[in-house]
Amino acid sequence: MNANFWSFIALPTVSCGGALFAIVSCSSGIDFDPSDYDTTCATASDCMLVVPMADCFRCCSETVAVKGTSEVAEDQRAAEESCRVDGVDIRECGIGGCEWLVAVCEEGRCRATMDFDAGM
């Protein structure tokens, strides 16, 4: 193909961290995927609720429970902070009722479940 073939085509570009991309959208922030973390537990106090986040968007209806460690807490905090540093607000899906979610330990695994007394 002739090297000059593409020279007349102007593609819209966006800049992500200094690099230019043609017709590609940038993701902002660090994604947080709790499926990579341990879910083993002995009691409910071993567990913590976490919300997956991708491109600075999270939905509490996707909340899961994992083994509560400082690594998990730090990784979730870092993902949230990465959105703020980029000047992007963390977008929420707006589903209500998530205040009733609690972490429980069932058969040695952390699980998120509803406790309607918890939201009051």
PDB file of N, CA and C in Angstrom:
ATOM      1  N   MET A   1       0.849  -1.169   0.000  1.00  0.00           N
ATOM      2  CA  MET A   1       0.000   0.000   0.000  1.00  0.00           C
ATOM      3  C   MET A   1       0.901   1.240   0.000  1.00  0.00           C
ATOM      4  N   ASN A   2       0.493   2.236  -0.711  1.00  0.00           N
ATOM      5  CA  ASN A   2       1.233   3.485  -0.817  1.00  0.00           C
ATOM      6  C   ASN A   2       1.350   4.146   0.551  1.00  0.00           C
ATOM      7  N   ALA A   3       2.548   4.577   0.937  1.00  0.00           N
ATOM      8  CA  ALA A   3       2.778   5.200   2.244  1.00  0.00           C
ATOM      9  C   ALA A   3       1.993   6.488   2.401  1.00  0.00           C
ATOM     10  N   ASN A   4       1.657   7.138   1.320  1.00  0.00           N
ATOM     11  CA  ASN A   4       0.899   8.390   1.390  1.00  0.00           C
ATOM     12  C   ASN A   4      -0.602   8.162   1.506  1.00  0.00           C
ATOM     13  N   PHE A   5      -1.051   6.917   1.419  1.00  0.00           N
ATOM     14  CA  PHE A   5      -2.477   6.611   1.469  1.00  0.00           C
ATOM     15  C   PHE A   5      -3.128   7.159   2.738  1.00  0.00           C
ATOM     16  N   TRP A   6      -2.491   6.957   3.889  1.00  0.00           N
ATOM     17  CA  TRP A   6      -3.060   7.374   5.170  1.00  0.00           C
ATOM     18  C   TRP A   6      -2.799   8.840   5.488  1.00  0.00           C
ATOM     19  N   SER A   7      -1.985   9.508   4.743  1.00  0.00           N
ATOM     20  CA  SER A   7      -1.598  10.879   5.081  1.00  0.00           C
ATOM     21  C   SER A   7      -2.737  11.872   4.988  1.00  0.00           C
ATOM     22  N   PHE A   8      -3.763  11.578   4.202  1.00  0.00           N
ATOM     23  CA  PHE A   8      -4.861  12.537   4.068  1.00  0.00           C
ATOM     24  C   PHE A   8      -6.014  12.267   5.029  1.00  0.00           C
ATOM     25  N   ILE A   9      -5.973  11.161   5.732  1.00  0.00           N
ATOM     26  CA  ILE A   9      -7.054  10.808   6.655  1.00  0.00           C
ATOM     27  C   ILE A   9      -6.745  11.408   8.017  1.00  0.00           C
ATOM     28  N   ALA A  10      -7.656  12.226   8.514  1.00  0.00           N
ATOM     29  CA  ALA A  10      -7.492  12.823   9.840  1.00  0.00           C
ATOM     30  C   ALA A  10      -8.348  12.051  10.833  1.00  0.00           C
ATOM     31  N   LEU A  11      -7.720  11.372  11.754  1.00  0.00           N
ATOM     32  CA  LEU A  11      -8.438  10.610  12.774  1.00  0.00           C
ATOM     33  C   LEU A  11      -8.523  11.414  14.055  1.00  0.00           C
ATOM     34  N   PRO A  12      -9.669  11.417  14.700  1.00  0.00           N
ATOM     35  CA  PRO A  12      -9.740  12.099  15.997  1.00  0.00           C
ATOM     36  C   PRO A  12      -8.843  11.381  16.993  1.00  0.00           C
ATOM     37  N   THR A  13      -8.154  12.126  17.813  1.00  0.00           N
ATOM     38  CA  THR A  13      -7.261  11.519  18.798  1.00  0.00           C
ATOM     39  C   THR A  13      -7.585  12.038  20.183  1.00  0.00           C
ATOM     40  N   VAL A  14      -7.240  11.228  21.163  1.00  0.00           N
ATOM     41  CA  VAL A  14      -7.354  11.621  22.559  1.00  0.00           C
ATOM     42  C   VAL A  14      -6.023  11.341  23.216  1.00  0.00           C
ATOM     43  N   SER A  15      -5.726  12.085  24.228  1.00  0.00           N
ATOM     44  CA  SER A  15      -4.462  11.901  24.916  1.00  0.00           C
ATOM     45  C   SER A  15      -4.707  11.234  26.257  1.00  0.00           C
ATOM     46  N   CYS A  16      -3.990  10.155  26.505  1.00  0.00           N
ATOM     47  CA  CYS A  16      -4.083   9.439  27.778  1.00  0.00           C
ATOM     48  C   CYS A  16      -2.686   9.349  28.355  1.00  0.00           C
ATOM     49  N   GLY A  17      -2.420  10.125  29.375  1.00  0.00           N
ATOM     50  CA  GLY A  17      -1.113  10.066  30.019  1.00  0.00           C
ATOM     51  C   GLY A  17       0.024  10.400  29.080  1.00  0.00           C
ATOM     52  N   GLY A  18      -0.210  11.302  28.148  1.00  0.00           N
ATOM     53  CA  GLY A  18       0.848  11.740  27.263  1.00  0.00           C
ATOM     54  C   GLY A  18       0.917  10.987  25.947  1.00  0.00           C
ATOM     55  N   ALA A  19       0.253   9.845  25.842  1.00  0.00           N
ATOM     56  CA  ALA A  19       0.276   9.085  24.593  1.00  0.00           C
ATOM     57  C   ALA A  19      -0.975   9.419  23.788  1.00  0.00           C
ATOM     58  N   LEU A  20      -0.836   9.450  22.487  1.00  0.00           N
ATOM     59  CA  LEU A  20      -1.986   9.731  21.631  1.00  0.00           C
ATOM     60  C   LEU A  20      -2.533   8.437  21.064  1.00  0.00           C
ATOM     61  N   PHE A  21      -3.856   8.338  21.056  1.00  0.00           N
ATOM     62  CA  PHE A  21      -4.509   7.166  20.514  1.00  0.00           C
ATOM     63  C   PHE A  21      -5.556   7.627  19.509  1.00  0.00           C
ATOM     64  N   ALA A  22      -5.703   6.918  18.430  1.00  0.00           N
ATOM     65  CA  ALA A  22      -6.727   7.240  17.443  1.00  0.00           C
ATOM     66  C   ALA A  22      -7.969   6.396  17.716  1.00  0.00           C
ATOM     67  N   ILE A  23      -9.088   7.068  17.815  1.00  0.00           N
ATOM     68  CA  ILE A  23     -10.383   6.430  18.004  1.00  0.00           C
ATOM     69  C   ILE A  23     -10.353   5.404  19.139  1.00  0.00           C
ATOM     70  N   VAL A  24      -9.787   5.761  20.246  1.00  0.00           N
ATOM     71  CA  VAL A  24      -9.724   4.901  21.423  1.00  0.00           C
ATOM     72  C   VAL A  24     -10.139   5.745  22.612  1.00  0.00           C
ATOM     73  N   SER A  25     -10.965   5.204  23.465  1.00  0.00           N
ATOM     74  CA  SER A  25     -11.335   5.963  24.651  1.00  0.00           C
ATOM     75  C   SER A  25     -10.382   5.633  25.779  1.00  0.00           C
ATOM     76  N   CYS A  26     -10.147   6.604  26.641  1.00  0.00           N
ATOM     77  CA  CYS A  26      -9.248   6.410  27.775  1.00  0.00           C
ATOM     78  C   CYS A  26     -10.052   5.911  28.965  1.00  0.00           C
ATOM     79  N   SER A  27      -9.467   5.055  29.735  1.00  0.00           N
ATOM     80  CA  SER A  27     -10.076   4.717  31.007  1.00  0.00           C
ATOM     81  C   SER A  27      -9.370   5.545  32.061  1.00  0.00           C
ATOM     82  N   SER A  28     -10.129   5.990  33.023  1.00  0.00           N
ATOM     83  CA  SER A  28      -9.558   6.786  34.102  1.00  0.00           C
ATOM     84  C   SER A  28      -9.490   5.956  35.357  1.00  0.00           C
ATOM     85  N   GLY A  29      -8.428   6.094  36.083  1.00  0.00           N
ATOM     86  CA  GLY A  29      -8.306   5.429  37.356  1.00  0.00           C
ATOM     87  C   GLY A  29      -7.854   3.986  37.248  1.00  0.00           C
ATOM     88  N   ILE A  30      -7.616   3.426  38.416  1.00  0.00           N
ATOM     89  CA  ILE A  30      -7.197   2.039  38.541  1.00  0.00           C
ATOM     90  C   ILE A  30      -8.449   1.197  38.759  1.00  0.00           C
ATOM     91  N   ASP A  31      -8.578   0.109  38.030  1.00  0.00           N
ATOM     92  CA  ASP A  31      -9.707  -0.791  38.259  1.00  0.00           C
ATOM     93  C   ASP A  31      -9.473  -1.581  39.543  1.00  0.00           C
ATOM     94  N   PHE A  32     -10.562  -1.946  40.203  1.00  0.00           N
ATOM     95  CA  PHE A  32     -10.495  -2.736  41.432  1.00  0.00           C
ATOM     96  C   PHE A  32     -11.370  -3.965  41.230  1.00  0.00           C
ATOM     97  N   ASP A  33     -10.731  -5.136  41.184  1.00  0.00           N
ATOM     98  CA  ASP A  33     -11.433  -6.394  40.957  1.00  0.00           C
ATOM     99  C   ASP A  33     -11.261  -7.293  42.181  1.00  0.00           C
ATOM    100  N   PRO A  34     -12.277  -7.364  43.035  1.00  0.00           N
ATOM    101  CA  PRO A  34     -12.140  -8.158  44.266  1.00  0.00           C
ATOM    102  C   PRO A  34     -12.121  -9.662  44.047  1.00  0.00           C
ATOM    103  N   SER A  35     -12.368 -10.130  42.836  1.00  0.00           N
ATOM    104  CA  SER A  35     -12.363 -11.579  42.613  1.00  0.00           C
ATOM    105  C   SER A  35     -10.968 -12.180  42.783  1.00  0.00           C
ATOM    106  N   ASP A  36      -9.954 -11.333  42.810  1.00  0.00           N
ATOM    107  CA  ASP A  36      -8.583 -11.815  42.983  1.00  0.00           C
ATOM    108  C   ASP A  36      -8.200 -12.058  44.445  1.00  0.00           C
ATOM    109  N   TYR A  37      -9.064 -11.707  45.385  1.00  0.00           N
ATOM    110  CA  TYR A  37      -8.718 -11.771  46.801  1.00  0.00           C
ATOM    111  C   TYR A  37      -9.298 -13.007  47.477  1.00  0.00           C
ATOM    112  N   ASP A  38      -8.670 -13.381  48.566  1.00  0.00           N
ATOM    113  CA  ASP A  38      -9.059 -14.530  49.372  1.00  0.00           C
ATOM    114  C   ASP A  38     -10.436 -14.303  49.991  1.00  0.00           C
ATOM    115  N   THR A  39     -11.248 -15.335  50.027  1.00  0.00           N
ATOM    116  CA  THR A  39     -12.571 -15.235  50.656  1.00  0.00           C
ATOM    117  C   THR A  39     -12.729 -16.188  51.837  1.00  0.00           C
ATOM    118  N   THR A  40     -11.636 -16.833  52.271  1.00  0.00           N
ATOM    119  CA  THR A  40     -11.753 -17.771  53.394  1.00  0.00           C
ATOM    120  C   THR A  40     -11.954 -17.011  54.700  1.00  0.00           C
ATOM    121  N   CYS A  41     -12.669 -17.646  55.625  1.00  0.00           N
ATOM    122  CA  CYS A  41     -12.945 -17.000  56.911  1.00  0.00           C
ATOM    123  C   CYS A  41     -13.267 -18.049  57.973  1.00  0.00           C
ATOM    124  N   ALA A  42     -13.171 -17.608  59.215  1.00  0.00           N
ATOM    125  CA  ALA A  42     -13.608 -18.430  60.348  1.00  0.00           C
ATOM    126  C   ALA A  42     -14.853 -17.820  60.967  1.00  0.00           C
ATOM    127  N   THR A  43     -14.906 -16.477  60.993  1.00  0.00           N
ATOM    128  CA  THR A  43     -16.064 -15.748  61.525  1.00  0.00           C
ATOM    129  C   THR A  43     -16.361 -14.557  60.620  1.00  0.00           C
ATOM    130  N   ALA A  44     -17.516 -13.942  60.787  1.00  0.00           N
ATOM    131  CA  ALA A  44     -17.913 -12.789  59.982  1.00  0.00           C
ATOM    132  C   ALA A  44     -16.948 -11.619  60.144  1.00  0.00           C
ATOM    133  N   SER A  45     -16.307 -11.526  61.301  1.00  0.00           N
ATOM    134  CA  SER A  45     -15.375 -10.415  61.526  1.00  0.00           C
ATOM    135  C   SER A  45     -14.122 -10.521  60.653  1.00  0.00           C
ATOM    136  N   ASP A  46     -13.897 -11.699  60.047  1.00  0.00           N
ATOM    137  CA  ASP A  46     -12.770 -11.864  59.118  1.00  0.00           C
ATOM    138  C   ASP A  46     -13.064 -11.232  57.762  1.00  0.00           C
ATOM    139  N   CYS A  47     -14.323 -10.891  57.512  1.00  0.00           N
ATOM    140  CA  CYS A  47     -14.762 -10.470  56.183  1.00  0.00           C
ATOM    141  C   CYS A  47     -15.015  -8.965  56.104  1.00  0.00           C
ATOM    142  N   MET A  48     -14.897  -8.438  54.883  1.00  0.00           N
ATOM    143  CA  MET A  48     -15.239  -7.037  54.635  1.00  0.00           C
ATOM    144  C   MET A  48     -15.947  -6.934  53.288  1.00  0.00           C
ATOM    145  N   LEU A  49     -16.822  -5.938  53.174  1.00  0.00           N
ATOM    146  CA  LEU A  49     -17.521  -5.689  51.926  1.00  0.00           C
ATOM    147  C   LEU A  49     -16.655  -4.828  51.020  1.00  0.00           C
ATOM    148  N   VAL A  50     -16.618  -5.155  49.737  1.00  0.00           N
ATOM    149  CA  VAL A  50     -15.902  -4.362  48.751  1.00  0.00           C
ATOM    150  C   VAL A  50     -16.760  -4.273  47.486  1.00  0.00           C
ATOM    151  N   VAL A  51     -16.556  -3.182  46.747  1.00  0.00           N
ATOM    152  CA  VAL A  51     -17.323  -2.956  45.528  1.00  0.00           C
ATOM    153  C   VAL A  51     -16.365  -2.910  44.345  1.00  0.00           C
ATOM    154  N   PRO A  52     -16.555  -3.787  43.358  1.00  0.00           N
ATOM    155  CA  PRO A  52     -15.707  -3.726  42.168  1.00  0.00           C
ATOM    156  C   PRO A  52     -15.824  -2.350  41.507  1.00  0.00           C
ATOM    157  N   MET A  53     -14.742  -1.907  40.879  1.00  0.00           N
ATOM    158  CA  MET A  53     -14.770  -0.614  40.213  1.00  0.00           C
ATOM    159  C   MET A  53     -13.967  -0.707  38.921  1.00  0.00           C
ATOM    160  N   ALA A  54     -14.548  -0.215  37.837  1.00  0.00           N
ATOM    161  CA  ALA A  54     -13.864  -0.159  36.537  1.00  0.00           C
ATOM    162  C   ALA A  54     -14.138   1.201  35.910  1.00  0.00           C
ATOM    163  N   ASP A  55     -13.092   1.824  35.407  1.00  0.00           N
ATOM    164  CA  ASP A  55     -13.208   3.146  34.775  1.00  0.00           C
ATOM    165  C   ASP A  55     -13.934   4.141  35.672  1.00  0.00           C
ATOM    166  N   CYS A  56     -13.626   4.100  36.968  1.00  0.00           N
ATOM    167  CA  CYS A  56     -14.203   5.014  37.963  1.00  0.00           C
ATOM    168  C   CYS A  56     -15.722   4.873  38.070  1.00  0.00           C
ATOM    169  N   PHE A  57     -16.245   3.688  37.806  1.00  0.00           N
ATOM    170  CA  PHE A  57     -17.671   3.414  37.952  1.00  0.00           C
ATOM    171  C   PHE A  57     -17.824   2.194  38.842  1.00  0.00           C
ATOM    172  N   ARG A  58     -18.750   2.302  39.778  1.00  0.00           N
ATOM    173  CA  ARG A  58     -19.052   1.153  40.638  1.00  0.00           C
ATOM    174  C   ARG A  58     -20.539   1.134  40.939  1.00  0.00           C
ATOM    175  N   CYS A  59     -21.013  -0.038  41.261  1.00  0.00           N
ATOM    176  CA  CYS A  59     -22.425  -0.214  41.571  1.00  0.00           C
ATOM    177  C   CYS A  59     -22.518  -1.102  42.805  1.00  0.00           C
ATOM    178  N   CYS A  60     -23.142  -0.605  43.846  1.00  0.00           N
ATOM    179  CA  CYS A  60     -23.156  -1.359  45.101  1.00  0.00           C
ATOM    180  C   CYS A  60     -23.890  -2.685  44.978  1.00  0.00           C
ATOM    181  N   SER A  61     -24.721  -2.839  43.939  1.00  0.00           N
ATOM    182  CA  SER A  61     -25.401  -4.121  43.763  1.00  0.00           C
ATOM    183  C   SER A  61     -24.410  -5.220  43.398  1.00  0.00           C
ATOM    184  N   GLU A  62     -23.183  -4.851  43.038  1.00  0.00           N
ATOM    185  CA  GLU A  62     -22.142  -5.828  42.724  1.00  0.00           C
ATOM    186  C   GLU A  62     -21.222  -6.097  43.917  1.00  0.00           C
ATOM    187  N   THR A  63     -21.578  -5.568  45.076  1.00  0.00           N
ATOM    188  CA  THR A  63     -20.775  -5.728  46.283  1.00  0.00           C
ATOM    189  C   THR A  63     -20.552  -7.201  46.596  1.00  0.00           C
ATOM    190  N   VAL A  64     -19.327  -7.509  46.984  1.00  0.00           N
ATOM    191  CA  VAL A  64     -18.976  -8.864  47.398  1.00  0.00           C
ATOM    192  C   VAL A  64     -18.253  -8.777  48.738  1.00  0.00           C
ATOM    193  N   ALA A  65     -18.106  -9.904  49.380  1.00  0.00           N
ATOM    194  CA  ALA A  65     -17.359  -9.971  50.631  1.00  0.00           C
ATOM    195  C   ALA A  65     -16.077 -10.762  50.387  1.00  0.00           C
ATOM    196  N   VAL A  66     -14.986 -10.253  50.916  1.00  0.00           N
ATOM    197  CA  VAL A  66     -13.690 -10.919  50.836  1.00  0.00           C
ATOM    198  C   VAL A  66     -13.056 -10.916  52.216  1.00  0.00           C
ATOM    199  N   LYS A  67     -11.990 -11.685  52.371  1.00  0.00           N
ATOM    200  CA  LYS A  67     -11.260 -11.685  53.632  1.00  0.00           C
ATOM    201  C   LYS A  67     -10.684 -10.290  53.839  1.00  0.00           C
ATOM    202  N   GLY A  68     -11.000  -9.681  54.964  1.00  0.00           N
ATOM    203  CA  GLY A  68     -10.565  -8.319  55.256  1.00  0.00           C
ATOM    204  C   GLY A  68      -9.092  -8.263  55.605  1.00  0.00           C
ATOM    205  N   THR A  69      -8.318  -7.682  54.711  1.00  0.00           N
ATOM    206  CA  THR A  69      -6.892  -7.514  54.965  1.00  0.00           C
ATOM    207  C   THR A  69      -6.515  -6.071  54.649  1.00  0.00           C
ATOM    208  N   SER A  70      -5.366  -5.663  55.149  1.00  0.00           N
ATOM    209  CA  SER A  70      -4.901  -4.311  54.848  1.00  0.00           C
ATOM    210  C   SER A  70      -4.614  -4.164  53.356  1.00  0.00           C
ATOM    211  N   GLU A  71      -4.214  -5.244  52.690  1.00  0.00           N
ATOM    212  CA  GLU A  71      -3.958  -5.195  51.243  1.00  0.00           C
ATOM    213  C   GLU A  71      -5.235  -4.860  50.472  1.00  0.00           C
ATOM    214  N   VAL A  72      -6.335  -5.524  50.827  1.00  0.00           N
ATOM    215  CA  VAL A  72      -7.609  -5.271  50.151  1.00  0.00           C
ATOM    216  C   VAL A  72      -8.042  -3.829  50.378  1.00  0.00           C
ATOM    217  N   ALA A  73      -7.997  -3.387  51.628  1.00  0.00           N
ATOM    218  CA  ALA A  73      -8.402  -2.019  51.945  1.00  0.00           C
ATOM    219  C   ALA A  73      -7.543  -0.998  51.203  1.00  0.00           C
ATOM    220  N   GLU A  74      -6.244  -1.232  51.150  1.00  0.00           N
ATOM    221  CA  GLU A  74      -5.333  -0.312  50.463  1.00  0.00           C
ATOM    222  C   GLU A  74      -5.572  -0.314  48.956  1.00  0.00           C
ATOM    223  N   ASP A  75      -5.810  -1.480  48.370  1.00  0.00           N
ATOM    224  CA  ASP A  75      -6.064  -1.556  46.935  1.00  0.00           C
ATOM    225  C   ASP A  75      -7.354  -0.835  46.559  1.00  0.00           C
ATOM    226  N   GLN A  76      -8.396  -0.996  47.389  1.00  0.00           N
ATOM    227  CA  GLN A  76      -9.657  -0.301  47.111  1.00  0.00           C
ATOM    228  C   GLN A  76      -9.467   1.208  47.267  1.00  0.00           C
ATOM    229  N   ARG A  77      -8.751   1.624  48.316  1.00  0.00           N
ATOM    230  CA  ARG A  77      -8.500   3.049  48.520  1.00  0.00           C
ATOM    231  C   ARG A  77      -7.690   3.635  47.357  1.00  0.00           C
ATOM    232  N   ALA A  78      -6.687   2.899  46.889  1.00  0.00           N
ATOM    233  CA  ALA A  78      -5.849   3.367  45.780  1.00  0.00           C
ATOM    234  C   ALA A  78      -6.676   3.541  44.508  1.00  0.00           C
ATOM    235  N   ALA A  79      -7.591   2.616  44.254  1.00  0.00           N
ATOM    236  CA  ALA A  79      -8.452   2.734  43.071  1.00  0.00           C
ATOM    237  C   ALA A  79      -9.332   3.972  43.176  1.00  0.00           C
ATOM    238  N   GLU A  80      -9.900   4.216  44.363  1.00  0.00           N
ATOM    239  CA  GLU A  80     -10.733   5.403  44.564  1.00  0.00           C
ATOM    240  C   GLU A  80      -9.915   6.675  44.414  1.00  0.00           C
ATOM    241  N   GLU A  81      -8.733   6.703  45.001  1.00  0.00           N
ATOM    242  CA  GLU A  81      -7.870   7.883  44.918  1.00  0.00           C
ATOM    243  C   GLU A  81      -7.400   8.148  43.488  1.00  0.00           C
ATOM    244  N   SER A  82      -7.174   7.089  42.708  1.00  0.00           N
ATOM    245  CA  SER A  82      -6.705   7.278  41.338  1.00  0.00           C
ATOM    246  C   SER A  82      -7.737   8.037  40.511  1.00  0.00           C
ATOM    247  N   CYS A  83      -8.995   7.854  40.829  1.00  0.00           N
ATOM    248  CA  CYS A  83     -10.040   8.600  40.112  1.00  0.00           C
ATOM    249  C   CYS A  83      -9.990  10.075  40.498  1.00  0.00           C
ATOM    250  N   ARG A  84      -9.809  10.348  41.763  1.00  0.00           N
ATOM    251  CA  ARG A  84      -9.775  11.730  42.226  1.00  0.00           C
ATOM    252  C   ARG A  84      -8.547  12.468  41.691  1.00  0.00           C
ATOM    253  N   VAL A  85      -7.416  11.773  41.614  1.00  0.00           N
ATOM    254  CA  VAL A  85      -6.192  12.373  41.095  1.00  0.00           C
ATOM    255  C   VAL A  85      -6.382  12.759  39.631  1.00  0.00           C
ATOM    256  N   ASP A  86      -7.059  11.914  38.873  1.00  0.00           N
ATOM    257  CA  ASP A  86      -7.319  12.195  37.462  1.00  0.00           C
ATOM    258  C   ASP A  86      -8.436  13.222  37.282  1.00  0.00           C
ATOM    259  N   GLY A  87      -9.012  13.687  38.390  1.00  0.00           N
ATOM    260  CA  GLY A  87     -10.091  14.671  38.321  1.00  0.00           C
ATOM    261  C   GLY A  87     -11.419  14.081  37.912  1.00  0.00           C
ATOM    262  N   VAL A  88     -11.562  12.782  38.056  1.00  0.00           N
ATOM    263  CA  VAL A  88     -12.790  12.096  37.672  1.00  0.00           C
ATOM    264  C   VAL A  88     -13.535  11.707  38.937  1.00  0.00           C
ATOM    265  N   ASP A  89     -14.809  12.022  38.981  1.00  0.00           N
ATOM    266  CA  ASP A  89     -15.611  11.586  40.112  1.00  0.00           C
ATOM    267  C   ASP A  89     -15.922  10.103  39.959  1.00  0.00           C
ATOM    268  N   ILE A  90     -15.982   9.415  41.088  1.00  0.00           N
ATOM    269  CA  ILE A  90     -16.399   8.018  41.051  1.00  0.00           C
ATOM    270  C   ILE A  90     -17.903   8.026  40.789  1.00  0.00           C
ATOM    271  N   ARG A  91     -18.300   7.379  39.718  1.00  0.00           N
ATOM    272  CA  ARG A  91     -19.710   7.345  39.347  1.00  0.00           C
ATOM    273  C   ARG A  91     -20.362   6.131  39.992  1.00  0.00           C
ATOM    274  N   GLU A  92     -21.522   6.365  40.550  1.00  0.00           N
ATOM    275  CA  GLU A  92     -22.288   5.300  41.195  1.00  0.00           C
ATOM    276  C   GLU A  92     -23.510   5.005  40.333  1.00  0.00           C
ATOM    277  N   CYS A  93     -23.991   3.791  40.390  1.00  0.00           N
ATOM    278  CA  CYS A  93     -25.134   3.424  39.561  1.00  0.00           C
ATOM    279  C   CYS A  93     -26.456   3.934  40.137  1.00  0.00           C
ATOM    280  N   GLY A  94     -26.480   4.333  41.387  1.00  0.00           N
ATOM    281  CA  GLY A  94     -27.682   4.919  41.958  1.00  0.00           C
ATOM    282  C   GLY A  94     -28.717   3.927  42.465  1.00  0.00           C
ATOM    283  N   ILE A  95     -28.333   2.689  42.607  1.00  0.00           N
ATOM    284  CA  ILE A  95     -29.267   1.693  43.146  1.00  0.00           C
ATOM    285  C   ILE A  95     -29.307   1.844  44.658  1.00  0.00           C
ATOM    286  N   GLY A  96     -30.478   1.908  45.215  1.00  0.00           N
ATOM    287  CA  GLY A  96     -30.630   2.030  46.664  1.00  0.00           C
ATOM    288  C   GLY A  96     -30.688   0.678  47.349  1.00  0.00           C
ATOM    289  N   GLY A  97     -30.667   0.693  48.668  1.00  0.00           N
ATOM    290  CA  GLY A  97     -30.811  -0.524  49.445  1.00  0.00           C
ATOM    291  C   GLY A  97     -29.514  -1.182  49.846  1.00  0.00           C
ATOM    292  N   CYS A  98     -28.399  -0.634  49.369  1.00  0.00           N
ATOM    293  CA  CYS A  98     -27.122  -1.279  49.645  1.00  0.00           C
ATOM    294  C   CYS A  98     -26.664  -1.094  51.094  1.00  0.00           C
ATOM    295  N   GLU A  99     -27.298  -0.184  51.795  1.00  0.00           N
ATOM    296  CA  GLU A  99     -26.934   0.008  53.203  1.00  0.00           C
ATOM    297  C   GLU A  99     -27.298  -1.205  54.049  1.00  0.00           C
ATOM    298  N   TRP A 100     -28.080  -2.121  53.494  1.00  0.00           N
ATOM    299  CA  TRP A 100     -28.453  -3.324  54.219  1.00  0.00           C
ATOM    300  C   TRP A 100     -27.506  -4.483  53.965  1.00  0.00           C
ATOM    301  N   LEU A 101     -26.507  -4.285  53.147  1.00  0.00           N
ATOM    302  CA  LEU A 101     -25.552  -5.359  52.890  1.00  0.00           C
ATOM    303  C   LEU A 101     -24.600  -5.531  54.068  1.00  0.00           C
ATOM    304  N   VAL A 102     -24.348  -6.766  54.412  1.00  0.00           N
ATOM    305  CA  VAL A 102     -23.388  -7.098  55.468  1.00  0.00           C
ATOM    306  C   VAL A 102     -22.532  -8.264  54.986  1.00  0.00           C
ATOM    307  N   ALA A 103     -21.349  -8.370  55.561  1.00  0.00           N
ATOM    308  CA  ALA A 103     -20.460  -9.495  55.264  1.00  0.00           C
ATOM    309  C   ALA A 103     -20.693 -10.583  56.307  1.00  0.00           C
ATOM    310  N   VAL A 104     -20.860 -11.801  55.832  1.00  0.00           N
ATOM    311  CA  VAL A 104     -21.034 -12.945  56.723  1.00  0.00           C
ATOM    312  C   VAL A 104     -20.029 -14.022  56.326  1.00  0.00           C
ATOM    313  N   CYS A 105     -19.802 -14.943  57.246  1.00  0.00           N
ATOM    314  CA  CYS A 105     -18.943 -16.090  56.966  1.00  0.00           C
ATOM    315  C   CYS A 105     -19.827 -17.330  56.996  1.00  0.00           C
ATOM    316  N   GLU A 106     -19.952 -17.986  55.851  1.00  0.00           N
ATOM    317  CA  GLU A 106     -20.765 -19.195  55.758  1.00  0.00           C
ATOM    318  C   GLU A 106     -19.930 -20.317  55.168  1.00  0.00           C
ATOM    319  N   GLU A 107     -19.848 -21.402  55.899  1.00  0.00           N
ATOM    320  CA  GLU A 107     -19.093 -22.580  55.463  1.00  0.00           C
ATOM    321  C   GLU A 107     -17.669 -22.217  55.044  1.00  0.00           C
ATOM    322  N   GLY A 108     -17.057 -21.316  55.836  1.00  0.00           N
ATOM    323  CA  GLY A 108     -15.659 -20.967  55.619  1.00  0.00           C
ATOM    324  C   GLY A 108     -15.393 -19.974  54.500  1.00  0.00           C
ATOM    325  N   ARG A 109     -16.443 -19.357  53.943  1.00  0.00           N
ATOM    326  CA  ARG A 109     -16.293 -18.383  52.855  1.00  0.00           C
ATOM    327  C   ARG A 109     -17.041 -17.091  53.189  1.00  0.00           C
ATOM    328  N   CYS A 110     -16.397 -15.960  52.897  1.00  0.00           N
ATOM    329  CA  CYS A 110     -17.054 -14.661  53.071  1.00  0.00           C
ATOM    330  C   CYS A 110     -18.117 -14.500  51.996  1.00  0.00           C
ATOM    331  N   ARG A 111     -19.236 -13.906  52.388  1.00  0.00           N
ATOM    332  CA  ARG A 111     -20.339 -13.684  51.460  1.00  0.00           C
ATOM    333  C   ARG A 111     -21.062 -12.403  51.834  1.00  0.00           C
ATOM    334  N   ALA A 112     -21.503 -11.661  50.831  1.00  0.00           N
ATOM    335  CA  ALA A 112     -22.319 -10.467  51.065  1.00  0.00           C
ATOM    336  C   ALA A 112     -23.789 -10.911  51.057  1.00  0.00           C
ATOM    337  N   THR A 113     -24.525 -10.414  52.043  1.00  0.00           N
ATOM    338  CA  THR A 113     -25.942 -10.763  52.125  1.00  0.00           C
ATOM    339  C   THR A 113     -26.701  -9.561  52.679  1.00  0.00           C
ATOM    340  N   MET A 114     -28.016  -9.612  52.588  1.00  0.00           N
ATOM    341  CA  MET A 114     -28.855  -8.521  53.088  1.00  0.00           C
ATOM    342  C   MET A 114     -29.249  -8.777  54.538  1.00  0.00           C
ATOM    343  N   ASP A 115     -29.148  -7.734  55.345  1.00  0.00           N
ATOM    344  CA  ASP A 115     -29.597  -7.756  56.728  1.00  0.00           C
ATOM    345  C   ASP A 115     -30.438  -6.499  56.902  1.00  0.00           C
ATOM    346  N   PHE A 116     -31.727  -6.638  56.820  1.00  0.00           N
ATOM    347  CA  PHE A 116     -32.602  -5.467  56.816  1.00  0.00           C
ATOM    348  C   PHE A 116     -32.600  -4.701  58.118  1.00  0.00           C
ATOM    349  N   ASP A 117     -32.084  -5.290  59.191  1.00  0.00           N
ATOM    350  CA  ASP A 117     -31.927  -4.549  60.446  1.00  0.00           C
ATOM    351  C   ASP A 117     -30.712  -3.637  60.399  1.00  0.00           C
ATOM    352  N   ALA A 118     -29.736  -3.952  59.536  1.00  0.00           N
ATOM    353  CA  ALA A 118     -28.485  -3.187  59.471  1.00  0.00           C
ATOM    354  C   ALA A 118     -28.679  -1.799  58.887  1.00  0.00           C
ATOM    355  N   GLY A 119     -29.658  -1.607  58.000  1.00  0.00           N
ATOM    356  CA  GLY A 119     -29.859  -0.328  57.340  1.00  0.00           C
ATOM    357  C   GLY A 119     -30.645   0.680  58.130  1.00  0.00           C
ATOM    358  N   MET A 120     -31.076   0.300  59.313  1.00  0.00           N
ATOM    359  CA  MET A 120     -31.909   1.218  60.113  1.00  0.00           C
ATOM    360  C   MET A 120     -31.113   1.979  61.114  1.00  0.00           C
TER     361      MET A 120
END
